[in-house]
Amino acid sequence: MNAVLNNATEILLLLFLIITFLQSGFDKITDWNGNISWLKGHFSETPFKNIVPLLVGIILVTEVVAGLLCVVGIYQILSSKATEFAFYGAILSSITLLMLLFGQRIAKDYEGAKTIAVYFIPTIILVFLLQA
């Protein structure tokens, strides 16, 4: 119980990232065609228009790996009080969000970009907490 109380902020932020990225990955897997169809339209006026499936695949992999690293990170915090996997999960989550932000900016979806920024703030706070 001490590990939970002593690392409550980190664990809660890790849970936030787990929910965010594993749900997003699950959605991409279960509705691949729907996601690809919508995103092809979203990026139709960008240099990414011909490589949308590849880019979605890359995002899918980074989201799932980031989410799984966060799961292992929570386990590691609770079992040994170490934070390496949590830190790796937070870093990969940050990189994933930056990729998503870049895509939104390229597509000139500024409202979508603002949403990504909202996710980025707690993620960077987690990176900071795990670095100290």
C-alpha atoms as a PDB file:
ATOM      1  CA  MET A   1       0.000   0.000   0.000  1.00  0.00           C
ATOM      2  CA  ASN A   2       2.922   2.346   0.654  1.00  0.00           C
ATOM      3  CA  ALA A   3       4.071   2.017  -2.951  1.00  0.00           C
ATOM      4  CA  VAL A   4       0.645   3.193  -4.144  1.00  0.00           C
ATOM      5  CA  LEU A   5       0.504   6.126  -1.741  1.00  0.00           C
ATOM      6  CA  ASN A   6       4.113   7.167  -2.338  1.00  0.00           C
ATOM      7  CA  ASN A   7       3.643   7.063  -6.118  1.00  0.00           C
ATOM      8  CA  ALA A   8      -0.029   8.020  -6.436  1.00  0.00           C
ATOM      9  CA  THR A   9       0.552  10.838  -8.939  1.00  0.00           C
ATOM     10  CA  GLU A  10       2.749   8.710 -11.174  1.00  0.00           C
ATOM     11  CA  ILE A  11       0.359   5.745 -11.018  1.00  0.00           C
ATOM     12  CA  LEU A  12      -2.672   7.901 -11.819  1.00  0.00           C
ATOM     13  CA  LEU A  13      -0.896   9.516 -14.770  1.00  0.00           C
ATOM     14  CA  LEU A  14       0.224   6.093 -15.994  1.00  0.00           C
ATOM     15  CA  LEU A  15      -3.387   4.879 -15.778  1.00  0.00           C
ATOM     16  CA  PHE A  16      -4.425   7.942 -17.802  1.00  0.00           C
ATOM     17  CA  LEU A  17      -1.939   6.987 -20.533  1.00  0.00           C
ATOM     18  CA  ILE A  18      -2.926   3.315 -20.418  1.00  0.00           C
ATOM     19  CA  ILE A  19      -6.588   4.193 -20.936  1.00  0.00           C
ATOM     20  CA  THR A  20      -5.746   6.745 -23.626  1.00  0.00           C
ATOM     21  CA  PHE A  21      -3.425   4.623 -25.731  1.00  0.00           C
ATOM     22  CA  LEU A  22      -4.729   1.084 -25.275  1.00  0.00           C
ATOM     23  CA  GLN A  23      -8.301   2.223 -25.995  1.00  0.00           C
ATOM     24  CA  SER A  24      -7.109   4.154 -29.046  1.00  0.00           C
ATOM     25  CA  GLY A  25      -5.121   1.161 -30.263  1.00  0.00           C
ATOM     26  CA  PHE A  26      -8.078  -1.146 -29.660  1.00  0.00           C
ATOM     27  CA  ASP A  27     -10.300   1.230 -31.649  1.00  0.00           C
ATOM     28  CA  LYS A  28      -7.848   1.268 -34.554  1.00  0.00           C
ATOM     29  CA  ILE A  29      -7.675  -2.535 -34.582  1.00  0.00           C
ATOM     30  CA  THR A  30     -11.427  -3.129 -34.324  1.00  0.00           C
ATOM     31  CA  ASP A  31     -12.376  -0.439 -36.867  1.00  0.00           C
ATOM     32  CA  TRP A  32      -9.313  -0.309 -39.100  1.00  0.00           C
ATOM     33  CA  ASN A  33     -11.266   0.360 -42.305  1.00  0.00           C
ATOM     34  CA  GLY A  34     -13.410   3.070 -40.737  1.00  0.00           C
ATOM     35  CA  ASN A  35     -10.364   4.826 -39.292  1.00  0.00           C
ATOM     36  CA  ILE A  36      -8.438   4.608 -42.556  1.00  0.00           C
ATOM     37  CA  SER A  37     -11.412   5.881 -44.548  1.00  0.00           C
ATOM     38  CA  TRP A  38     -11.928   8.880 -42.267  1.00  0.00           C
ATOM     39  CA  LEU A  39      -8.216   9.687 -42.079  1.00  0.00           C
ATOM     40  CA  LYS A  40      -7.773   9.499 -45.857  1.00  0.00           C
ATOM     41  CA  GLY A  41     -10.330  12.269 -46.110  1.00  0.00           C
ATOM     42  CA  HIS A  42      -8.729  14.172 -43.237  1.00  0.00           C
ATOM     43  CA  PHE A  43      -5.309  14.102 -44.932  1.00  0.00           C
ATOM     44  CA  SER A  44      -6.526  14.347 -48.548  1.00  0.00           C
ATOM     45  CA  GLU A  45      -4.981  17.786 -49.037  1.00  0.00           C
ATOM     46  CA  THR A  46      -1.648  16.955 -47.375  1.00  0.00           C
ATOM     47  CA  PRO A  47       1.609  15.265 -48.393  1.00  0.00           C
ATOM     48  CA  PHE A  48       0.452  12.272 -46.273  1.00  0.00           C
ATOM     49  CA  LYS A  49      -2.548  11.487 -48.501  1.00  0.00           C
ATOM     50  CA  ASN A  50      -0.952   8.402 -50.105  1.00  0.00           C
ATOM     51  CA  ILE A  51       0.565   6.870 -46.975  1.00  0.00           C
ATOM     52  CA  VAL A  52      -2.281   7.092 -44.460  1.00  0.00           C
ATOM     53  CA  PRO A  53      -2.456   3.316 -43.759  1.00  0.00           C
ATOM     54  CA  LEU A  54       1.303   3.185 -43.100  1.00  0.00           C
ATOM     55  CA  LEU A  55       1.134   6.176 -40.761  1.00  0.00           C
ATOM     56  CA  VAL A  56      -1.874   4.760 -38.909  1.00  0.00           C
ATOM     57  CA  GLY A  57       0.022   1.488 -38.509  1.00  0.00           C
ATOM     58  CA  ILE A  58       2.996   3.338 -37.026  1.00  0.00           C
ATOM     59  CA  ILE A  59       0.736   5.249 -34.640  1.00  0.00           C
ATOM     60  CA  LEU A  60      -1.044   2.010 -33.700  1.00  0.00           C
ATOM     61  CA  VAL A  61       2.234   0.310 -32.790  1.00  0.00           C
ATOM     62  CA  THR A  62       3.538   3.262 -30.780  1.00  0.00           C
ATOM     63  CA  GLU A  63       0.238   3.652 -28.920  1.00  0.00           C
ATOM     64  CA  VAL A  64       0.041  -0.017 -27.958  1.00  0.00           C
ATOM     65  CA  VAL A  65       3.707  -0.237 -26.969  1.00  0.00           C
ATOM     66  CA  ALA A  66       3.417   2.986 -24.940  1.00  0.00           C
ATOM     67  CA  GLY A  67       0.315   1.675 -23.176  1.00  0.00           C
ATOM     68  CA  LEU A  68       1.953  -1.667 -22.422  1.00  0.00           C
ATOM     69  CA  LEU A  69       5.101   0.023 -21.113  1.00  0.00           C
ATOM     70  CA  CYS A  70       2.890   2.039 -18.776  1.00  0.00           C
ATOM     71  CA  VAL A  71       1.198  -1.168 -17.564  1.00  0.00           C
ATOM     72  CA  VAL A  72       4.594  -2.737 -16.879  1.00  0.00           C
ATOM     73  CA  GLY A  73       5.660   0.551 -15.293  1.00  0.00           C
ATOM     74  CA  ILE A  74       2.854   0.382 -12.748  1.00  0.00           C
ATOM     75  CA  TYR A  75       3.720  -3.226 -11.989  1.00  0.00           C
ATOM     76  CA  GLN A  76       7.387  -2.307 -11.565  1.00  0.00           C
ATOM     77  CA  ILE A  77       6.563   0.612  -9.251  1.00  0.00           C
ATOM     78  CA  LEU A  78       4.353  -1.602  -7.108  1.00  0.00           C
ATOM     79  CA  SER A  79       6.703  -4.575  -7.042  1.00  0.00           C
ATOM     80  CA  SER A  80      10.153  -3.013  -6.795  1.00  0.00           C
ATOM     81  CA  LYS A  81       9.645   0.778  -6.573  1.00  0.00           C
ATOM     82  CA  ALA A  82      11.671   1.136  -9.783  1.00  0.00           C
ATOM     83  CA  THR A  83      10.440   3.470 -12.506  1.00  0.00           C
ATOM     84  CA  GLU A  84      12.393   2.596 -15.665  1.00  0.00           C
ATOM     85  CA  PHE A  85       9.464   1.113 -17.580  1.00  0.00           C
ATOM     86  CA  ALA A  86       7.129   3.887 -16.461  1.00  0.00           C
ATOM     87  CA  PHE A  87       9.668   6.413 -17.723  1.00  0.00           C
ATOM     88  CA  TYR A  88      10.004   4.617 -21.067  1.00  0.00           C
ATOM     89  CA  GLY A  89       6.199   4.531 -21.347  1.00  0.00           C
ATOM     90  CA  ALA A  90       5.963   8.255 -20.620  1.00  0.00           C
ATOM     91  CA  ILE A  91       8.673   9.071 -23.167  1.00  0.00           C
ATOM     92  CA  LEU A  92       7.073   6.929 -25.888  1.00  0.00           C
ATOM     93  CA  SER A  93       3.683   8.430 -25.042  1.00  0.00           C
ATOM     94  CA  SER A  94       5.167  11.907 -25.498  1.00  0.00           C
ATOM     95  CA  ILE A  95       6.676  10.954 -28.841  1.00  0.00           C
ATOM     96  CA  THR A  96       3.374   9.450 -29.966  1.00  0.00           C
ATOM     97  CA  LEU A  97       1.501  12.600 -29.010  1.00  0.00           C
ATOM     98  CA  LEU A  98       4.040  14.716 -30.881  1.00  0.00           C
ATOM     99  CA  MET A  99       3.495  12.572 -33.983  1.00  0.00           C
ATOM    100  CA  LEU A 100      -0.264  13.029 -33.635  1.00  0.00           C
ATOM    101  CA  LEU A 101       0.170  16.775 -33.108  1.00  0.00           C
ATOM    102  CA  PHE A 102       2.339  17.011 -36.207  1.00  0.00           C
ATOM    103  CA  GLY A 103      -0.330  15.228 -38.237  1.00  0.00           C
ATOM    104  CA  GLN A 104      -3.066  17.515 -36.958  1.00  0.00           C
ATOM    105  CA  ARG A 105      -1.017  20.599 -37.779  1.00  0.00           C
ATOM    106  CA  ILE A 106      -0.202  19.299 -41.280  1.00  0.00           C
ATOM    107  CA  ALA A 107      -3.934  18.662 -41.833  1.00  0.00           C
ATOM    108  CA  LYS A 108      -4.627  22.190 -40.538  1.00  0.00           C
ATOM    109  CA  ASP A 109      -6.927  20.710 -37.897  1.00  0.00           C
ATOM    110  CA  TYR A 110      -6.116  23.279 -35.236  1.00  0.00           C
ATOM    111  CA  GLU A 111      -8.933  22.184 -32.916  1.00  0.00           C
ATOM    112  CA  GLY A 112      -7.615  18.625 -33.050  1.00  0.00           C
ATOM    113  CA  ALA A 113      -4.117  19.923 -32.375  1.00  0.00           C
ATOM    114  CA  LYS A 114      -5.389  21.721 -29.274  1.00  0.00           C
ATOM    115  CA  THR A 115      -6.858  18.455 -28.038  1.00  0.00           C
ATOM    116  CA  ILE A 116      -3.482  16.734 -28.439  1.00  0.00           C
ATOM    117  CA  ALA A 117      -1.885  19.540 -26.421  1.00  0.00           C
ATOM    118  CA  VAL A 118      -4.298  18.794 -23.564  1.00  0.00           C
ATOM    119  CA  TYR A 119      -3.034  15.186 -23.503  1.00  0.00           C
ATOM    120  CA  PHE A 120       0.579  16.296 -23.824  1.00  0.00           C
ATOM    121  CA  ILE A 121       0.571  18.403 -20.640  1.00  0.00           C
ATOM    122  CA  PRO A 122       0.001  15.563 -18.122  1.00  0.00           C
ATOM    123  CA  THR A 123       2.315  13.336 -20.138  1.00  0.00           C
ATOM    124  CA  ILE A 124       5.193  15.809 -19.861  1.00  0.00           C
ATOM    125  CA  ILE A 125       4.442  16.253 -16.159  1.00  0.00           C
ATOM    126  CA  LEU A 126       4.827  12.475 -15.808  1.00  0.00           C
ATOM    127  CA  VAL A 127       8.154  12.538 -17.672  1.00  0.00           C
ATOM    128  CA  PHE A 128       9.315  15.281 -15.305  1.00  0.00           C
ATOM    129  CA  LEU A 129       8.196  13.356 -12.196  1.00  0.00           C
ATOM    130  CA  LEU A 130       9.898  10.174 -13.337  1.00  0.00           C
ATOM    131  CA  GLN A 131      13.152  11.970 -14.208  1.00  0.00           C
ATOM    132  CA  ALA A 132      13.666  13.359 -10.731  1.00  0.00           C
END
